[in-house]
Amino acid sequence: MATKGIDAEEVTRIKLARTVVVRRERMGVSQRELAVLCGIDRSFLNGVERGHRSPTLQALVKIADGLGTTVSMLTKGILKPEAGEVWDQDEWDRTVLDEAEREESEMGGTEEVEA
């Protein structure tokens, strides 16, 4: 789904929002569970995930920690959209998933907890 007519700042917020959502869903946790893991308010996290809120650096660090990643991985590729770039959410989501999988493989994959 391509969306035209949105400015660069909005594209940046949306890219960050989708990155957080995709990574959270990959973890298999609810928005409420992630908010608890991050130590932030769920309604604030909801605003970030909807692209309506821009987190402070401190909040972004908490979100990255809760997702088990780094701020640099959350923000990779979200700044400086190319001139004439058209936002494509499906393409972005695939990129985020690919990056998360690559990050996990570099860290030795996910570990299973024995019962």
N, C-alpha and C. Protein backbone atom coordinates (compact mmCIF):
# COMPACT_ATOMS: atom_id res chain seq x y z
N MET A 1 0.85 -1.18 0.00
CA MET A 1 0.00 0.00 0.00
C MET A 1 0.89 1.23 0.00
N ALA A 2 0.83 2.00 -1.04
CA ALA A 2 1.63 3.21 -1.12
C ALA A 2 0.77 4.40 -0.71
N THR A 3 1.37 5.31 0.02
CA THR A 3 0.67 6.51 0.44
C THR A 3 1.45 7.71 -0.06
N LYS A 4 0.79 8.59 -0.79
CA LYS A 4 1.44 9.78 -1.31
C LYS A 4 0.97 10.98 -0.50
N GLY A 5 1.73 12.07 -0.60
CA GLY A 5 1.30 13.32 0.01
C GLY A 5 1.60 13.46 1.49
N ILE A 6 2.53 12.68 2.03
CA ILE A 6 2.91 12.87 3.42
C ILE A 6 4.33 13.39 3.46
N ASP A 7 4.59 14.27 4.44
CA ASP A 7 5.91 14.90 4.49
C ASP A 7 6.95 13.98 5.11
N ALA A 8 8.21 14.38 4.98
CA ALA A 8 9.34 13.55 5.44
C ALA A 8 9.27 13.27 6.93
N GLU A 9 8.85 14.24 7.73
CA GLU A 9 8.76 14.03 9.18
C GLU A 9 7.73 12.95 9.51
N GLU A 10 6.60 12.99 8.82
CA GLU A 10 5.56 11.99 9.05
C GLU A 10 6.03 10.61 8.60
N VAL A 11 6.74 10.54 7.48
CA VAL A 11 7.28 9.26 7.01
C VAL A 11 8.23 8.69 8.06
N THR A 12 9.05 9.53 8.65
CA THR A 12 9.99 9.09 9.69
C THR A 12 9.24 8.51 10.87
N ARG A 13 8.19 9.21 11.34
CA ARG A 13 7.39 8.70 12.48
C ARG A 13 6.72 7.37 12.13
N ILE A 14 6.20 7.28 10.91
CA ILE A 14 5.52 6.05 10.49
C ILE A 14 6.50 4.89 10.39
N LYS A 15 7.68 5.15 9.84
CA LYS A 15 8.69 4.08 9.74
C LYS A 15 9.08 3.58 11.13
N LEU A 16 9.30 4.49 12.07
CA LEU A 16 9.63 4.08 13.43
C LEU A 16 8.46 3.30 14.02
N ALA A 17 7.25 3.79 13.81
CA ALA A 17 6.06 3.11 14.34
C ALA A 17 5.98 1.68 13.83
N ARG A 18 6.11 1.51 12.53
CA ARG A 18 6.02 0.16 11.95
C ARG A 18 7.16 -0.72 12.42
N THR A 19 8.35 -0.14 12.60
CA THR A 19 9.49 -0.92 13.09
C THR A 19 9.18 -1.47 14.48
N VAL A 20 8.63 -0.63 15.35
CA VAL A 20 8.29 -1.08 16.70
C VAL A 20 7.20 -2.14 16.65
N VAL A 21 6.15 -1.91 15.86
CA VAL A 21 5.05 -2.87 15.77
C VAL A 21 5.53 -4.22 15.25
N VAL A 22 6.27 -4.20 14.16
CA VAL A 22 6.73 -5.46 13.54
C VAL A 22 7.62 -6.23 14.52
N ARG A 23 8.54 -5.55 15.17
CA ARG A 23 9.43 -6.22 16.12
C ARG A 23 8.65 -6.74 17.33
N ARG A 24 7.67 -5.95 17.81
CA ARG A 24 6.86 -6.41 18.95
C ARG A 24 6.06 -7.65 18.57
N GLU A 25 5.43 -7.61 17.42
CA GLU A 25 4.66 -8.78 16.98
C GLU A 25 5.56 -9.98 16.78
N ARG A 26 6.77 -9.77 16.28
CA ARG A 26 7.72 -10.87 16.10
C ARG A 26 8.06 -11.51 17.45
N MET A 27 8.13 -10.68 18.50
CA MET A 27 8.39 -11.19 19.84
C MET A 27 7.20 -11.95 20.41
N GLY A 28 6.02 -11.69 19.85
CA GLY A 28 4.82 -12.36 20.34
C GLY A 28 4.26 -11.76 21.62
N VAL A 29 4.48 -10.45 21.81
CA VAL A 29 3.95 -9.80 23.01
C VAL A 29 2.93 -8.74 22.62
N SER A 30 2.03 -8.48 23.54
CA SER A 30 1.02 -7.45 23.32
C SER A 30 1.64 -6.08 23.56
N GLN A 31 0.93 -5.07 23.16
CA GLN A 31 1.39 -3.70 23.39
C GLN A 31 1.50 -3.45 24.90
N ARG A 32 0.56 -3.94 25.66
CA ARG A 32 0.59 -3.77 27.12
C ARG A 32 1.82 -4.47 27.71
N GLU A 33 2.11 -5.68 27.25
CA GLU A 33 3.28 -6.42 27.76
C GLU A 33 4.58 -5.69 27.42
N LEU A 34 4.66 -5.15 26.20
CA LEU A 34 5.87 -4.43 25.83
C LEU A 34 6.01 -3.16 26.67
N ALA A 35 4.92 -2.47 26.92
CA ALA A 35 4.98 -1.25 27.74
C ALA A 35 5.53 -1.57 29.12
N VAL A 36 5.10 -2.70 29.69
CA VAL A 36 5.62 -3.12 31.00
C VAL A 36 7.11 -3.43 30.90
N LEU A 37 7.50 -4.19 29.87
CA LEU A 37 8.92 -4.51 29.68
C LEU A 37 9.77 -3.25 29.54
N CYS A 38 9.21 -2.24 28.90
CA CYS A 38 9.94 -0.99 28.65
C CYS A 38 9.91 -0.04 29.83
N GLY A 39 8.92 -0.22 30.70
CA GLY A 39 8.76 0.72 31.80
C GLY A 39 8.18 2.05 31.33
N ILE A 40 7.32 1.99 30.30
CA ILE A 40 6.66 3.20 29.81
C ILE A 40 5.15 2.99 29.81
N ASP A 41 4.43 4.07 29.71
CA ASP A 41 2.97 4.03 29.71
C ASP A 41 2.46 3.40 28.41
N ARG A 42 1.46 2.52 28.52
CA ARG A 42 0.92 1.85 27.34
C ARG A 42 0.31 2.84 26.35
N SER A 43 -0.35 3.88 26.85
CA SER A 43 -0.95 4.84 25.92
C SER A 43 0.12 5.62 25.16
N PHE A 44 1.27 5.86 25.79
CA PHE A 44 2.38 6.51 25.09
C PHE A 44 2.91 5.58 24.00
N LEU A 45 3.10 4.30 24.35
CA LEU A 45 3.57 3.32 23.36
C LEU A 45 2.58 3.22 22.21
N ASN A 46 1.30 3.26 22.51
CA ASN A 46 0.28 3.22 21.48
C ASN A 46 0.45 4.40 20.52
N GLY A 47 0.70 5.58 21.07
CA GLY A 47 0.91 6.76 20.23
C GLY A 47 2.14 6.63 19.34
N VAL A 48 3.20 6.02 19.89
CA VAL A 48 4.42 5.79 19.09
C VAL A 48 4.10 4.80 17.98
N GLU A 49 3.41 3.70 18.31
CA GLU A 49 3.09 2.66 17.32
C GLU A 49 2.13 3.16 16.24
N ARG A 50 1.35 4.16 16.54
CA ARG A 50 0.43 4.71 15.54
C ARG A 50 1.06 5.84 14.73
N GLY A 51 2.30 6.23 15.11
CA GLY A 51 2.99 7.29 14.40
C GLY A 51 2.53 8.68 14.81
N HIS A 52 1.85 8.75 15.95
CA HIS A 52 1.34 10.04 16.43
C HIS A 52 2.26 10.70 17.45
N ARG A 53 3.16 9.92 18.04
CA ARG A 53 4.08 10.43 19.06
C ARG A 53 5.52 10.19 18.61
N SER A 54 6.35 11.16 18.91
CA SER A 54 7.79 11.02 18.66
C SER A 54 8.46 10.81 20.01
N PRO A 55 9.02 9.64 20.25
CA PRO A 55 9.62 9.39 21.56
C PRO A 55 10.89 10.20 21.77
N THR A 56 11.13 10.56 23.03
CA THR A 56 12.41 11.17 23.38
C THR A 56 13.49 10.11 23.23
N LEU A 57 14.74 10.53 23.30
CA LEU A 57 15.83 9.57 23.22
C LEU A 57 15.74 8.57 24.37
N GLN A 58 15.41 9.05 25.57
CA GLN A 58 15.31 8.16 26.72
C GLN A 58 14.20 7.12 26.51
N ALA A 59 13.07 7.56 25.98
CA ALA A 59 11.96 6.62 25.72
C ALA A 59 12.36 5.63 24.62
N LEU A 60 13.08 6.09 23.61
CA LEU A 60 13.51 5.22 22.52
C LEU A 60 14.48 4.15 23.05
N VAL A 61 15.34 4.53 23.98
CA VAL A 61 16.26 3.56 24.60
C VAL A 61 15.45 2.50 25.36
N LYS A 62 14.43 2.92 26.09
CA LYS A 62 13.60 1.97 26.84
C LYS A 62 12.86 1.02 25.88
N ILE A 63 12.35 1.56 24.78
CA ILE A 63 11.64 0.73 23.81
C ILE A 63 12.61 -0.28 23.18
N ALA A 64 13.79 0.18 22.80
CA ALA A 64 14.79 -0.72 22.22
C ALA A 64 15.15 -1.82 23.21
N ASP A 65 15.38 -1.46 24.48
CA ASP A 65 15.69 -2.45 25.50
C ASP A 65 14.56 -3.47 25.64
N GLY A 66 13.33 -2.99 25.68
CA GLY A 66 12.18 -3.88 25.81
C GLY A 66 12.05 -4.84 24.64
N LEU A 67 12.48 -4.39 23.47
CA LEU A 67 12.42 -5.23 22.27
C LEU A 67 13.67 -6.09 22.11
N GLY A 68 14.62 -5.91 23.02
CA GLY A 68 15.85 -6.70 22.94
C GLY A 68 16.74 -6.30 21.78
N THR A 69 16.75 -5.02 21.45
CA THR A 69 17.56 -4.54 20.35
C THR A 69 18.21 -3.22 20.75
N THR A 70 18.73 -2.50 19.78
CA THR A 70 19.39 -1.23 20.04
C THR A 70 18.63 -0.09 19.36
N VAL A 71 18.90 1.11 19.81
CA VAL A 71 18.30 2.29 19.17
C VAL A 71 18.74 2.35 17.72
N SER A 72 19.98 2.03 17.46
CA SER A 72 20.46 2.10 16.08
C SER A 72 19.71 1.12 15.18
N MET A 73 19.37 -0.06 15.70
CA MET A 73 18.61 -1.02 14.89
C MET A 73 17.17 -0.54 14.68
N LEU A 74 16.59 0.13 15.69
CA LEU A 74 15.22 0.64 15.53
C LEU A 74 15.16 1.78 14.53
N THR A 75 16.22 2.55 14.45
CA THR A 75 16.19 3.73 13.60
C THR A 75 16.88 3.54 12.26
N LYS A 76 17.40 2.36 12.02
CA LYS A 76 18.12 2.09 10.76
C LYS A 76 17.20 2.34 9.56
N GLY A 77 17.64 3.26 8.73
CA GLY A 77 16.92 3.51 7.48
C GLY A 77 15.73 4.43 7.57
N ILE A 78 15.41 4.96 8.76
CA ILE A 78 14.19 5.77 8.83
C ILE A 78 14.41 7.24 8.50
N LEU A 79 15.64 7.70 8.55
CA LEU A 79 15.91 9.11 8.30
C LEU A 79 16.24 9.36 6.84
N LYS A 80 16.09 10.61 6.45
CA LYS A 80 16.42 11.07 5.10
C LYS A 80 15.77 10.25 3.99
N PRO A 81 14.44 10.36 3.88
CA PRO A 81 13.81 9.68 2.74
C PRO A 81 14.34 10.25 1.42
N GLU A 82 14.44 9.40 0.45
CA GLU A 82 14.92 9.82 -0.87
C GLU A 82 13.90 10.80 -1.48
N ALA A 83 14.39 11.72 -2.31
CA ALA A 83 13.50 12.64 -3.00
C ALA A 83 12.51 11.84 -3.84
N GLY A 84 11.25 12.14 -3.70
CA GLY A 84 10.22 11.45 -4.46
C GLY A 84 9.86 10.08 -3.92
N GLU A 85 10.43 9.71 -2.75
CA GLU A 85 10.15 8.40 -2.17
C GLU A 85 8.65 8.27 -1.87
N VAL A 86 8.11 7.13 -2.20
CA VAL A 86 6.71 6.84 -1.90
C VAL A 86 6.68 5.80 -0.79
N TRP A 87 5.97 6.11 0.28
CA TRP A 87 5.88 5.21 1.43
C TRP A 87 5.14 3.93 1.06
N ASP A 88 5.74 2.80 1.34
CA ASP A 88 5.14 1.50 1.08
C ASP A 88 5.26 0.67 2.36
N GLN A 89 4.18 0.59 3.11
CA GLN A 89 4.21 -0.09 4.40
C GLN A 89 4.58 -1.55 4.29
N ASP A 90 4.04 -2.26 3.34
CA ASP A 90 4.35 -3.69 3.19
C ASP A 90 5.84 -3.91 2.92
N GLU A 91 6.40 -3.08 2.05
CA GLU A 91 7.83 -3.19 1.75
C GLU A 91 8.67 -2.88 3.00
N TRP A 92 8.28 -1.84 3.74
CA TRP A 92 9.00 -1.49 4.97
C TRP A 92 8.94 -2.63 5.98
N ASP A 93 7.74 -3.20 6.18
CA ASP A 93 7.59 -4.29 7.13
C ASP A 93 8.49 -5.48 6.77
N ARG A 94 8.57 -5.80 5.48
CA ARG A 94 9.45 -6.89 5.04
C ARG A 94 10.91 -6.56 5.36
N THR A 95 11.29 -5.32 5.12
CA THR A 95 12.66 -4.89 5.40
C THR A 95 12.97 -5.03 6.89
N VAL A 96 12.05 -4.61 7.73
CA VAL A 96 12.24 -4.71 9.19
C VAL A 96 12.36 -6.17 9.61
N LEU A 97 11.50 -7.03 9.09
CA LEU A 97 11.56 -8.45 9.43
C LEU A 97 12.89 -9.07 8.97
N ASP A 98 13.31 -8.73 7.76
CA ASP A 98 14.59 -9.24 7.26
C ASP A 98 15.73 -8.79 8.17
N GLU A 99 15.71 -7.54 8.59
CA GLU A 99 16.76 -7.00 9.45
C GLU A 99 16.74 -7.68 10.82
N ALA A 100 15.54 -7.91 11.36
CA ALA A 100 15.43 -8.59 12.66
C ALA A 100 15.96 -10.01 12.57
N GLU A 101 15.65 -10.71 11.49
CA GLU A 101 16.15 -12.08 11.30
C GLU A 101 17.67 -12.09 11.16
N ARG A 102 18.22 -11.12 10.42
CA ARG A 102 19.66 -11.02 10.27
C ARG A 102 20.32 -10.74 11.62
N GLU A 103 19.74 -9.84 12.38
CA GLU A 103 20.26 -9.50 13.71
C GLU A 103 20.26 -10.73 14.62
N GLU A 104 19.17 -11.49 14.59
CA GLU A 104 19.07 -12.70 15.42
C GLU A 104 20.10 -13.74 15.00
N SER A 105 20.31 -13.90 13.70
CA SER A 105 21.27 -14.91 13.25
C SER A 105 22.69 -14.51 13.64
N GLU A 106 23.00 -13.23 13.62
CA GLU A 106 24.32 -12.76 14.04
C GLU A 106 24.54 -12.97 15.53
N MET A 107 23.45 -12.95 16.30
CA MET A 107 23.55 -13.13 17.75
C MET A 107 23.45 -14.61 18.13
N GLY A 108 23.39 -15.48 17.15
CA GLY A 108 23.32 -16.90 17.43
C GLY A 108 21.92 -17.44 17.49
N GLY A 109 20.96 -16.70 16.96
CA GLY A 109 19.58 -17.17 16.93
C GLY A 109 18.90 -16.98 18.26
N THR A 110 17.65 -17.39 18.30
CA THR A 110 16.88 -17.29 19.53
C THR A 110 17.07 -18.55 20.34
N GLU A 111 17.13 -18.39 21.62
CA GLU A 111 17.30 -19.54 22.50
C GLU A 111 15.96 -20.00 23.04
N GLU A 112 15.74 -21.27 23.06
CA GLU A 112 14.53 -21.83 23.63
C GLU A 112 14.74 -22.11 25.09
N VAL A 113 13.71 -21.83 25.89
CA VAL A 113 13.78 -22.08 27.31
C VAL A 113 13.29 -23.50 27.57
N GLU A 114 14.09 -24.28 28.31
CA GLU A 114 13.67 -25.66 28.60
C GLU A 114 12.68 -25.65 29.74
N ALA A 115 11.68 -26.52 29.65
CA ALA A 115 10.64 -26.59 30.69
C ALA A 115 11.11 -27.48 31.83
